Amino acid sequence: MNTEENESVNASAVNAMMRSIESYRRGDVHLPQLVNDLQSALHGMLNVPHEWRARFLQSWAALEEINALALDAGQPRLPEDHEKIVSRALETIQQLIAQAASSFAR
């Protein structure tokens, strides 16, 4: 694939990530689906800078951990401290998405 095709693929993945986050914030999807959607979109991206991918995965891992804890405890709702962790992770992911949109996913 050429650079233009890579950028197109990455732009589609970035848009999918944003839609997933928006759906989660609206309450249309739950955390397990969000975690899965973000991971799937990331795996679809091409030639992503290592540092960007590492930072994304760090925030994604926080979401995955909270998801696993909630599932293990059988909690229908996240405790407030877990909600704060999710919120911070999503803020970081959104910043990374904005960075991607302006640099390698046009």
Protein backbone atom coordinates (compact mmCIF):
# COMPACT_ATOMS: atom_id res chain seq x y z
CA MET A 1 0.00 0.00 0.00
CA ASN A 2 1.13 3.52 -0.62
CA THR A 3 1.12 6.37 1.88
CA GLU A 4 -2.22 7.69 0.68
CA GLU A 5 -3.86 4.29 1.15
CA ASN A 6 -2.29 3.93 4.62
CA GLU A 7 -3.65 7.34 5.59
CA SER A 8 -7.10 6.39 4.33
CA VAL A 9 -7.11 3.13 6.31
CA ASN A 10 -5.89 4.93 9.42
CA ALA A 11 -8.46 7.70 9.00
CA SER A 12 -11.22 5.10 8.88
CA ALA A 13 -9.86 3.47 12.05
CA VAL A 14 -9.60 6.83 13.82
CA ASN A 15 -13.20 7.64 12.86
CA ALA A 16 -14.33 4.24 14.15
CA MET A 17 -12.55 4.92 17.46
CA MET A 18 -14.28 8.28 17.84
CA ARG A 19 -17.69 6.80 17.03
CA SER A 20 -17.13 4.05 19.60
CA ILE A 21 -16.17 6.53 22.30
CA GLU A 22 -19.17 8.72 21.48
CA SER A 23 -21.47 5.67 21.62
CA TYR A 24 -20.05 4.71 25.01
CA ARG A 25 -20.50 8.23 26.38
CA ARG A 26 -24.11 8.30 25.15
CA GLY A 27 -24.72 4.96 26.86
CA ASP A 28 -25.40 3.15 23.59
CA VAL A 29 -22.64 0.59 24.25
CA HIS A 30 -21.07 -0.72 27.42
CA LEU A 31 -17.42 -0.87 28.39
CA PRO A 32 -16.79 -4.42 27.08
CA GLN A 33 -17.92 -3.38 23.60
CA LEU A 34 -15.89 -0.15 23.72
CA VAL A 35 -12.75 -2.05 24.72
CA ASN A 36 -13.27 -4.50 21.86
CA ASP A 37 -14.05 -1.78 19.31
CA LEU A 38 -10.96 0.25 20.19
CA GLN A 39 -8.72 -2.79 20.02
CA SER A 40 -10.16 -3.83 16.65
CA ALA A 41 -9.69 -0.36 15.21
CA LEU A 42 -6.11 -0.21 16.43
CA HIS A 43 -5.31 -3.57 14.87
CA GLY A 44 -6.65 -2.27 11.56
CA MET A 45 -4.24 0.67 11.47
CA LEU A 46 -1.12 0.63 9.28
CA ASN A 47 2.39 1.91 9.96
CA VAL A 48 1.45 3.56 13.24
CA PRO A 49 4.37 5.21 15.06
CA HIS A 50 5.61 3.01 17.90
CA GLU A 51 5.32 5.75 20.54
CA TRP A 52 1.73 6.52 19.56
CA ARG A 53 0.77 2.84 19.64
CA ALA A 54 2.45 2.39 23.05
CA ARG A 55 0.60 5.36 24.55
CA PHE A 56 -2.69 4.16 23.07
CA LEU A 57 -2.19 0.66 24.44
CA GLN A 58 -1.36 2.04 27.88
CA SER A 59 -4.69 3.85 28.05
CA TRP A 60 -6.53 0.97 26.41
CA ALA A 61 -5.04 -1.41 29.02
CA ALA A 62 -6.54 0.74 31.78
CA LEU A 63 -9.96 0.33 30.14
CA GLU A 64 -9.42 -3.41 29.76
CA GLU A 65 -8.40 -3.76 33.41
CA ILE A 66 -11.46 -1.87 34.66
CA ASN A 67 -13.63 -3.95 32.36
CA ALA A 68 -12.12 -7.19 33.69
CA LEU A 69 -12.58 -6.09 37.29
CA ALA A 70 -16.21 -5.15 36.69
CA LEU A 71 -16.96 -8.41 34.91
CA ASP A 72 -15.21 -10.44 37.60
CA ALA A 73 -17.17 -8.69 40.35
CA GLY A 74 -20.44 -8.94 38.42
CA GLN A 75 -20.96 -5.20 38.74
CA PRO A 76 -23.65 -3.76 36.48
CA ARG A 77 -22.28 -0.24 37.08
CA LEU A 78 -18.73 0.92 37.58
CA PRO A 79 -17.75 2.36 40.96
CA GLU A 80 -16.99 6.07 40.92
CA ASP A 81 -13.22 5.59 41.17
CA HIS A 82 -13.32 3.23 38.19
CA GLU A 83 -15.42 5.73 36.22
CA LYS A 84 -12.69 8.33 36.83
CA ILE A 85 -10.02 5.98 35.49
CA VAL A 86 -12.14 5.26 32.42
CA SER A 87 -12.73 8.97 31.88
CA ARG A 88 -9.00 9.78 32.09
CA ALA A 89 -8.12 6.92 29.74
CA LEU A 90 -10.70 8.07 27.21
CA GLU A 91 -9.43 11.65 27.41
CA THR A 92 -5.92 10.42 26.62
CA ILE A 93 -7.18 8.23 23.79
CA GLN A 94 -9.11 11.16 22.33
CA GLN A 95 -5.96 13.29 22.45
CA LEU A 96 -4.08 10.53 20.65
CA ILE A 97 -6.85 10.25 18.08
CA ALA A 98 -6.64 14.00 17.43
CA GLN A 99 -2.88 13.67 17.03
CA ALA A 100 -3.32 10.77 14.61
CA ALA A 101 -5.91 12.66 12.60
CA SER A 102 -3.53 15.54 12.11
CA SER A 103 -0.37 13.56 11.42
CA PHE A 104 -0.73 10.02 10.05
CA ALA A 105 -4.43 9.49 9.39
CA ARG A 106 -5.53 12.31 7.14
